[in-house]
Amino acid sequence: MFGALTAMPYILIVTMKKSLLVVQSQSSESDSDGTDQAHNQSIVVPTTVIAIADSFQKKDNSWVVTSQIATDLSIQVQDVTFTVHKYSLVSKCGYIGRLELQPSISNFGYELKLENFPGGSEAFEIILKFCYGLPLDLNPSNIAPLRCASEFLEMSEEIDDGNLISKTEAFLTFVVLSSWKDTITVLKSCETLSPWAENLQIVRRCYDSIAWKAPRDNSMVNDEGWCFDDVASLRIDHFMRIITAIRAKGEKPEIIGKCIMRYAERWLPGMDAELEGLRGYGYGKNELQFSILIGRKEDEGIEHSKEQKSIIESLVSILPPQPEAAPCKFLLKMLKMAMVYSASQALISELEKRAGMMLENANVNDLLIPNYKCEDQGKMVKSLEKRTMHNTDVVQRMVEYFLMHEQEKQQLPPTSGKSSVSKLLENYLAEVAKDPNLSITKFQVLAEALPERARTCDDGLYRAIDTYLKTHPSLSEYDRRRLCKIMSCGKLSLDACMHAAQNDRLPLRTVIQVLFSEQVKMRAAMQGKEPAASDNNSEQEITQTSTKTEIMALRAELENIKTQMTELQRDYSELQHEYEKQNNKHRNGSAWNFGWTKIRTSALFHRKLDGNEGGEGHQRSNSLGSKINFRRRLSIS
């Protein structure tokens, strides 16, 4: 019999009377409706027992066998009552045969109530038809419930040859477990069969079958991505055990990571939806309204949060420790979800550490972790200091983990990790600086998280500081100076210096430092000296090369302006001396004044004076304009 089962996936045998042919033909027609025979495998197994039933009637919650022989047994499974013949069940079910049945009070015969029957009334109905000699239709959807139910009723070979335990076991082993899709279907049906499916090793055999059929390399994953979709449709406990079985078979970490990421996308809706706060704050009586869009329905309550928390903690616990298992972007998304759903602190610390070690691969949006939890939904937060829009403490800890990881890699060839992280941190500071509730201490600590030598240019840091000063206009002069001490004026580019020199939000001392720094650079360039390099970094060399031409041009123009200023000073001295001489003559007498008045009114004097004044005035205006232009250049630089 078992040989026939293994040789043919679908067998149809009829050895019964005409009434059974109807059942057989209906089964055949229903099977032919399936579009994919490989995923709807079934087998019809006849029995050799002569049926004593004429027909079956189902009415509401009752199932009755109509026959010339009166029924003598009433069995209740869940909310359905089956009225049957005792002999038909006792001949197949050892469990019912050894029970001391209680006589029925309302009817003739006996009553029996089956508590916690695996598979419920649907499985029991199929077993009854088998006991009455009807063909048995086995398929991946009902094989696990029937296997558990037959074990419950003790339908073994000792009671009757070809009993249900052996038939379901053969179909499960030789037909179902050979197919990926059918194995997934069986595993889903086992979710309601605990602990029977576990004790009968059905679940474990499904895990092993899936683990052996899982793809082994990335090319197979790309071609057979559907297999991950099938596994991602399972319940979290089954998914975890499948991943454990796959890892035990030596699967690559990146394959396991892709499977975990697919599961997270399916069961954690907030993974794709942006977890972000409102881009503004509403104030009312010194209260802060805070709201988060987390991609979930309003009517989902505590149970949903617990389920999401369980999924997050489970996925992180089975994530392979290798860096290639999951990208930094996925780790930061999981970190956001873990904080929103109040996962354990140990799990959050693990995610912070793993993401921090790969921080150079992140972007600013990944670091914008909302300072929010599910239990805060709809609450009014009165403490403004505690309720910033984003959680900056998490970012600070990740930067610390990154520095520790970089220190451990000092023996390896140098990388551009610190430079990338410094730019990332500057952009992040510019974003969180818009938060009116961010304290200056938190901003300063975060800005100083990286050592000064990690930044080759402080333009990004200056932009973040300027944004913070613009958002917090009420800062004291002391706090402004304290904030500006973070950046190095010597590391600002020419454009940043031009902006800083005219920035009214900066303290006066910082503006003077910016101007002095530029003057030192210009003076060193004019003397043929190169500016002192703080570090051997490519970015500063590029900046110095780009400004070298401008410095040489400014030096030539400066020499020209000095010559013009010397001439202007000489002309001014002569005019001053002439003016004092004329004043002295004016005081000597009126006769001279009268003569001088006649001379001034003469046409010849006017023509000469106009010519002299025109020349001198033009020369003075050019010199003065050059002087003003030179002073403006110095102030801007």
Foldseek 3Di string as FASTA:
>chain_A
DLVVVLVDQEDDDDDADPVQVVVSVVVVVVQVVDPDCLQWGKYWDWDPDHFQFPDWDDDDQEIETDGPDAFAEWEDWDSHIYGHHLVLLVLFFVQSVPDDFDADPPDHHGYYYDPPQQPTPVLVVLVSCRSRGHIHIDTLQCLLSVLLNCVVRVRDVVSPNPTSNVVSVSCLPNRQLVDLSSLLNNLQNCVRGPPSCVVVCSLVSSLLSLLVVDDADPVVCVVPVVSLVSLLVHDLVSSLSSLVNNVVVPHDLQSSLVSLVVNCVVLQVQLPPQWFWDPDWDDDPQWTDIATDRPDDPPDDDVSLVSLLVNLVSSLVSRDPDLSNYDLLSLLSSLLSCQQSVHDPVSNVVSLLSSLLRVLPDALSSQQRAPHYPVCHPPIGNDLLSHWGGDLVSVLSSPVSNVVNVVVCPVPDDDLSLLSVLLRLLVNLLSSLLTLNHDLVSSLCSLPSDPPVSYQACLSVVNSLVSNCVNCVPDDLVSLVVSVVSDDLLRYALVSLLVLLPDPSHDPVVNVNNLVSVVVCLVCLLVVHHDDHPDPDDVVVVRCVVCSVVSVVLSVLVVVLVVLVVVLVVVVVVVVVVVVVVVVVVVPDVVVVVVVVVVCPDPVVVVVVVVVCVVVVVSNVVSVVSVVVNVVVSSSD
